[in-house]
N, C-alpha and C. Protein backbone atom coordinates (compact mmCIF):
# COMPACT_ATOMS: atom_id res chain seq x y z
N MET A 1 130.42 115.46 175.89
CA MET A 1 131.50 114.56 175.58
C MET A 1 132.48 114.51 176.75
N SER A 2 133.04 113.36 176.95
CA SER A 2 133.96 113.15 178.05
C SER A 2 135.32 113.78 177.77
N LEU A 3 135.89 114.31 178.80
CA LEU A 3 137.23 114.90 178.75
C LEU A 3 138.04 114.19 179.83
N THR A 4 139.12 113.54 179.43
CA THR A 4 139.93 112.75 180.35
C THR A 4 141.36 113.26 180.35
N LEU A 5 141.93 113.33 181.55
CA LEU A 5 143.32 113.74 181.71
C LEU A 5 144.08 112.62 182.42
N TYR A 6 145.08 112.07 181.75
CA TYR A 6 146.01 111.15 182.40
C TYR A 6 147.03 112.04 183.08
N HIS A 7 147.06 111.99 184.39
CA HIS A 7 147.69 113.03 185.20
C HIS A 7 148.67 112.46 186.21
N ASN A 8 149.76 113.20 186.40
CA ASN A 8 150.70 112.94 187.48
C ASN A 8 150.81 114.24 188.26
N PRO A 9 150.24 114.32 189.46
CA PRO A 9 150.24 115.58 190.19
C PRO A 9 151.63 116.08 190.57
N ARG A 10 152.64 115.24 190.47
CA ARG A 10 154.01 115.68 190.78
C ARG A 10 154.70 116.32 189.57
N CYS A 11 154.07 116.24 188.41
CA CYS A 11 154.65 116.76 187.17
C CYS A 11 154.13 118.17 186.90
N SER A 12 155.05 119.11 186.70
CA SER A 12 154.63 120.50 186.48
C SER A 12 153.81 120.66 185.20
N LYS A 13 154.17 119.98 184.13
CA LYS A 13 153.41 120.08 182.87
C LYS A 13 152.00 119.52 183.05
N SER A 14 151.89 118.47 183.83
CA SER A 14 150.58 117.88 184.10
C SER A 14 149.72 118.84 184.92
N ARG A 15 150.31 119.44 185.93
CA ARG A 15 149.57 120.43 186.74
C ARG A 15 149.18 121.64 185.90
N GLN A 16 150.08 122.09 185.04
CA GLN A 16 149.78 123.23 184.17
C GLN A 16 148.65 122.90 183.20
N THR A 17 148.65 121.69 182.67
CA THR A 17 147.59 121.29 181.74
C THR A 17 146.26 121.22 182.46
N LEU A 18 146.23 120.67 183.66
CA LEU A 18 145.00 120.63 184.43
C LEU A 18 144.48 122.04 184.70
N GLN A 19 145.36 122.94 185.07
CA GLN A 19 144.95 124.32 185.33
C GLN A 19 144.45 124.99 184.05
N LEU A 20 145.09 124.73 182.95
CA LEU A 20 144.67 125.27 181.66
C LEU A 20 143.24 124.85 181.34
N LEU A 21 142.93 123.59 181.59
CA LEU A 21 141.57 123.10 181.35
C LEU A 21 140.58 123.76 182.30
N LYS A 22 140.94 123.82 183.57
CA LYS A 22 140.04 124.43 184.56
C LYS A 22 139.82 125.91 184.28
N ASP A 23 140.85 126.61 183.81
CA ASP A 23 140.71 128.03 183.47
C ASP A 23 139.72 128.24 182.33
N ARG A 24 139.49 127.20 181.55
CA ARG A 24 138.52 127.27 180.46
C ARG A 24 137.16 126.71 180.86
N GLY A 25 137.00 126.50 182.17
CA GLY A 25 135.72 126.01 182.69
C GLY A 25 135.50 124.53 182.47
N LEU A 26 136.56 123.79 182.19
CA LEU A 26 136.45 122.36 181.94
C LEU A 26 136.91 121.59 183.16
N GLU A 27 136.21 120.53 183.46
CA GLU A 27 136.55 119.68 184.60
C GLU A 27 136.75 118.26 184.07
N PRO A 28 137.98 117.89 183.77
CA PRO A 28 138.22 116.57 183.19
C PRO A 28 138.08 115.45 184.22
N VAL A 29 137.78 114.27 183.71
CA VAL A 29 137.92 113.06 184.51
C VAL A 29 139.43 112.87 184.63
N THR A 30 139.93 112.87 185.85
CA THR A 30 141.37 112.80 186.07
C THR A 30 141.77 111.39 186.49
N ILE A 31 142.68 110.83 185.73
CA ILE A 31 143.21 109.50 186.03
C ILE A 31 144.66 109.66 186.45
N GLU A 32 144.93 109.41 187.71
CA GLU A 32 146.31 109.41 188.18
C GLU A 32 146.91 108.06 187.78
N TYR A 33 147.55 108.06 186.62
CA TYR A 33 147.95 106.81 185.98
C TYR A 33 149.01 106.03 186.77
N LEU A 34 149.70 106.65 187.71
CA LEU A 34 150.63 105.88 188.53
C LEU A 34 149.89 105.09 189.60
N ARG A 35 148.73 105.59 190.00
CA ARG A 35 147.89 104.87 190.98
C ARG A 35 146.98 103.87 190.29
N THR A 36 146.52 104.24 189.10
CA THR A 36 145.60 103.40 188.32
C THR A 36 146.17 103.29 186.91
N PRO A 37 147.17 102.44 186.72
CA PRO A 37 147.82 102.36 185.41
C PRO A 37 146.87 101.81 184.34
N PRO A 38 146.94 102.38 183.15
CA PRO A 38 146.15 101.83 182.05
C PRO A 38 146.72 100.48 181.62
N ASN A 39 145.84 99.57 181.24
CA ASN A 39 146.31 98.29 180.74
C ASN A 39 146.69 98.44 179.27
N ALA A 40 147.18 97.36 178.68
CA ALA A 40 147.66 97.42 177.29
C ALA A 40 146.54 97.81 176.33
N ALA A 41 145.32 97.34 176.58
CA ALA A 41 144.19 97.69 175.70
C ALA A 41 143.89 99.19 175.77
N ALA A 42 143.93 99.76 176.97
CA ALA A 42 143.69 101.20 177.12
C ALA A 42 144.80 102.00 176.47
N LEU A 43 146.03 101.51 176.56
CA LEU A 43 147.14 102.19 175.91
C LEU A 43 146.99 102.13 174.38
N ALA A 44 146.50 101.02 173.86
CA ALA A 44 146.27 100.91 172.42
C ALA A 44 145.20 101.91 171.98
N GLU A 45 144.18 102.12 172.80
CA GLU A 45 143.16 103.12 172.49
C GLU A 45 143.76 104.52 172.50
N LEU A 46 144.65 104.78 173.46
CA LEU A 46 145.33 106.07 173.50
C LEU A 46 146.16 106.29 172.23
N LEU A 47 146.85 105.26 171.79
CA LEU A 47 147.65 105.37 170.57
C LEU A 47 146.78 105.71 169.37
N ALA A 48 145.64 105.03 169.28
CA ALA A 48 144.73 105.31 168.16
C ALA A 48 144.25 106.75 168.22
N ALA A 49 143.92 107.23 169.41
CA ALA A 49 143.44 108.60 169.57
C ALA A 49 144.54 109.62 169.30
N LEU A 50 145.78 109.25 169.61
CA LEU A 50 146.92 110.12 169.35
C LEU A 50 147.33 110.08 167.87
N ASN A 51 146.91 109.00 167.18
CA ASN A 51 147.31 108.78 165.79
C ASN A 51 148.83 108.77 165.70
N SER A 52 149.42 107.95 166.57
CA SER A 52 150.88 107.94 166.71
C SER A 52 151.36 106.53 167.00
N GLY A 53 152.66 106.35 166.99
CA GLY A 53 153.26 105.06 167.32
C GLY A 53 153.53 104.95 168.81
N ILE A 54 153.75 103.73 169.25
CA ILE A 54 153.95 103.45 170.67
C ILE A 54 155.12 104.21 171.26
N ASP A 55 156.16 104.42 170.48
CA ASP A 55 157.34 105.10 171.02
C ASP A 55 157.03 106.53 171.47
N SER A 56 156.01 107.15 170.88
CA SER A 56 155.64 108.52 171.29
C SER A 56 155.05 108.55 172.69
N LEU A 57 154.60 107.41 173.19
CA LEU A 57 154.04 107.34 174.53
C LEU A 57 155.09 107.14 175.62
N MET A 58 156.33 106.89 175.22
CA MET A 58 157.35 106.54 176.20
C MET A 58 158.29 107.71 176.49
N ARG A 59 158.53 107.90 177.77
CA ARG A 59 159.49 108.91 178.23
C ARG A 59 160.88 108.26 178.22
N THR A 60 161.63 108.53 177.19
CA THR A 60 162.91 107.85 176.99
C THR A 60 163.99 108.27 177.98
N GLY A 61 163.75 109.33 178.74
CA GLY A 61 164.72 109.76 179.74
C GLY A 61 164.55 109.08 181.08
N GLU A 62 163.47 108.32 181.24
CA GLU A 62 163.22 107.63 182.52
C GLU A 62 164.21 106.47 182.71
N ASP A 63 164.63 106.25 183.94
CA ASP A 63 165.61 105.20 184.24
C ASP A 63 165.13 103.82 183.81
N ASP A 64 163.85 103.52 184.04
CA ASP A 64 163.32 102.21 183.65
C ASP A 64 163.41 102.00 182.14
N TYR A 65 163.15 103.06 181.39
CA TYR A 65 163.27 102.97 179.93
C TYR A 65 164.73 102.74 179.54
N LYS A 66 165.61 103.54 180.11
CA LYS A 66 167.03 103.43 179.77
C LYS A 66 167.56 102.02 180.06
N ALA A 67 167.14 101.44 181.18
CA ALA A 67 167.60 100.12 181.57
C ALA A 67 167.10 99.03 180.61
N ALA A 68 165.96 99.28 179.97
CA ALA A 68 165.37 98.27 179.09
C ALA A 68 165.45 98.64 177.62
N ARG A 69 166.18 99.70 177.30
CA ARG A 69 166.22 100.23 175.92
C ARG A 69 166.50 99.14 174.88
N ALA A 70 167.51 98.34 175.08
CA ALA A 70 167.87 97.30 174.09
C ALA A 70 166.75 96.27 173.97
N GLU A 71 166.18 95.89 175.09
CA GLU A 71 165.08 94.92 175.08
C GLU A 71 163.87 95.50 174.35
N ILE A 72 163.53 96.75 174.65
CA ILE A 72 162.38 97.41 174.04
C ILE A 72 162.55 97.52 172.53
N ALA A 73 163.76 97.80 172.09
CA ALA A 73 164.02 97.97 170.66
C ALA A 73 163.63 96.73 169.85
N GLY A 74 163.73 95.55 170.45
CA GLY A 74 163.40 94.32 169.74
C GLY A 74 161.97 93.86 169.90
N MET A 75 161.15 94.66 170.57
CA MET A 75 159.77 94.26 170.84
C MET A 75 158.82 94.67 169.72
N SER A 76 157.76 93.89 169.58
CA SER A 76 156.66 94.27 168.70
C SER A 76 155.86 95.38 169.39
N GLU A 77 154.95 96.00 168.66
CA GLU A 77 154.14 97.05 169.27
C GLU A 77 153.32 96.50 170.44
N GLN A 78 152.75 95.31 170.28
CA GLN A 78 151.96 94.72 171.37
C GLN A 78 152.83 94.45 172.59
N GLN A 79 154.03 93.96 172.38
CA GLN A 79 154.94 93.72 173.50
C GLN A 79 155.31 95.02 174.20
N LYS A 80 155.49 96.08 173.42
CA LYS A 80 155.78 97.39 174.00
C LYS A 80 154.59 97.89 174.82
N LEU A 81 153.38 97.68 174.32
CA LEU A 81 152.18 98.07 175.08
C LEU A 81 152.12 97.31 176.40
N ASP A 82 152.39 96.01 176.35
CA ASP A 82 152.38 95.20 177.57
C ASP A 82 153.46 95.69 178.54
N TRP A 83 154.64 96.00 178.02
CA TRP A 83 155.73 96.49 178.86
C TRP A 83 155.36 97.82 179.49
N LEU A 84 154.82 98.73 178.70
CA LEU A 84 154.45 100.05 179.21
C LEU A 84 153.35 99.94 180.26
N ALA A 85 152.44 99.01 180.09
CA ALA A 85 151.39 98.80 181.09
C ALA A 85 151.99 98.36 182.43
N ARG A 86 153.10 97.66 182.38
CA ARG A 86 153.78 97.23 183.61
C ARG A 86 154.71 98.29 184.18
N HIS A 87 155.02 99.32 183.38
CA HIS A 87 155.94 100.38 183.78
C HIS A 87 155.31 101.75 183.52
N PRO A 88 154.22 102.06 184.21
CA PRO A 88 153.49 103.31 183.91
C PRO A 88 154.30 104.58 184.15
N GLN A 89 155.35 104.50 184.94
CA GLN A 89 156.19 105.67 185.18
C GLN A 89 156.87 106.14 183.90
N VAL A 90 156.91 105.32 182.88
CA VAL A 90 157.53 105.66 181.60
C VAL A 90 156.52 106.34 180.66
N LEU A 91 155.25 106.29 180.99
CA LEU A 91 154.20 106.88 180.15
C LEU A 91 154.35 108.39 180.07
N GLN A 92 154.27 108.92 178.85
CA GLN A 92 154.29 110.37 178.67
C GLN A 92 153.17 110.99 179.49
N ARG A 93 153.36 112.22 179.88
CA ARG A 93 152.34 112.92 180.65
C ARG A 93 152.43 114.40 180.37
N PRO A 94 151.33 115.04 180.53
CA PRO A 94 149.97 114.53 180.67
C PRO A 94 149.42 114.18 179.29
N ILE A 95 148.34 113.40 179.29
CA ILE A 95 147.63 113.09 178.05
C ILE A 95 146.18 113.49 178.26
N VAL A 96 145.66 114.26 177.32
CA VAL A 96 144.26 114.67 177.35
C VAL A 96 143.54 113.94 176.22
N VAL A 97 142.37 113.37 176.54
CA VAL A 97 141.56 112.66 175.56
C VAL A 97 140.19 113.34 175.52
N HIS A 98 139.74 113.64 174.29
CA HIS A 98 138.44 114.29 174.12
C HIS A 98 137.92 113.98 172.72
N ALA A 99 136.67 113.54 172.65
CA ALA A 99 135.97 113.32 171.38
C ALA A 99 136.77 112.43 170.43
N GLY A 100 137.36 111.38 170.96
CA GLY A 100 138.08 110.42 170.14
C GLY A 100 139.48 110.83 169.74
N ALA A 101 139.93 111.99 170.19
CA ALA A 101 141.29 112.45 169.89
C ALA A 101 142.05 112.62 171.19
N ALA A 102 143.36 112.57 171.09
CA ALA A 102 144.20 112.73 172.28
C ALA A 102 145.42 113.57 171.90
N ARG A 103 145.95 114.25 172.90
CA ARG A 103 147.18 115.02 172.75
C ARG A 103 148.01 114.89 174.02
N ILE A 104 149.31 114.89 173.84
CA ILE A 104 150.23 114.93 174.96
C ILE A 104 150.45 116.40 175.28
N GLY A 105 150.30 116.78 176.54
CA GLY A 105 150.38 118.17 176.95
C GLY A 105 151.78 118.68 177.14
N ARG A 106 152.58 118.60 176.14
CA ARG A 106 153.94 119.12 176.14
C ARG A 106 154.15 119.91 174.87
N PRO A 107 153.95 121.18 174.89
CA PRO A 107 153.57 122.05 176.01
C PRO A 107 152.07 121.91 176.30
N PRO A 108 151.64 122.38 177.46
CA PRO A 108 150.23 122.24 177.85
C PRO A 108 149.25 122.75 176.79
N GLU A 109 149.58 123.81 176.11
CA GLU A 109 148.69 124.40 175.11
C GLU A 109 148.41 123.48 173.93
N SER A 110 149.22 122.46 173.75
CA SER A 110 149.02 121.55 172.62
C SER A 110 147.71 120.77 172.72
N VAL A 111 147.13 120.72 173.91
CA VAL A 111 145.86 120.00 174.06
C VAL A 111 144.67 120.82 173.58
N LEU A 112 144.85 122.10 173.39
CA LEU A 112 143.72 122.97 173.06
C LEU A 112 143.09 122.65 171.71
N ASP A 113 143.84 122.12 170.77
CA ASP A 113 143.30 121.88 169.44
C ASP A 113 142.31 120.71 169.38
N ILE A 114 142.15 119.95 170.47
CA ILE A 114 141.15 118.88 170.47
C ILE A 114 139.93 119.22 171.31
N LEU A 115 139.91 120.40 171.88
CA LEU A 115 138.79 120.79 172.74
C LEU A 115 137.66 121.42 171.93
């Protein structure tokens, strides 16, 4: 089964999650989402795998989110997916996907329950 990590190498939690996986002998397919942003359809798949709402995918402390907070509040889920696809820096990180399930690695150990 495929193991995928949406990764930002500049993020300590993302690096810790990658190391946690490697320490367990796992080598995930690593997607540096700032270089290769997921489109809205891929984000919708992530939401389904997370079994969560779109707001859980957004880093509300990011400047881009703060600047658009009022606009985002009035958006439908699809509009939020489209917005997040255009602003990948707001995407939570890291995200691990395995066997149809996903977890946000905050803390990194939270991904272990889907392995």
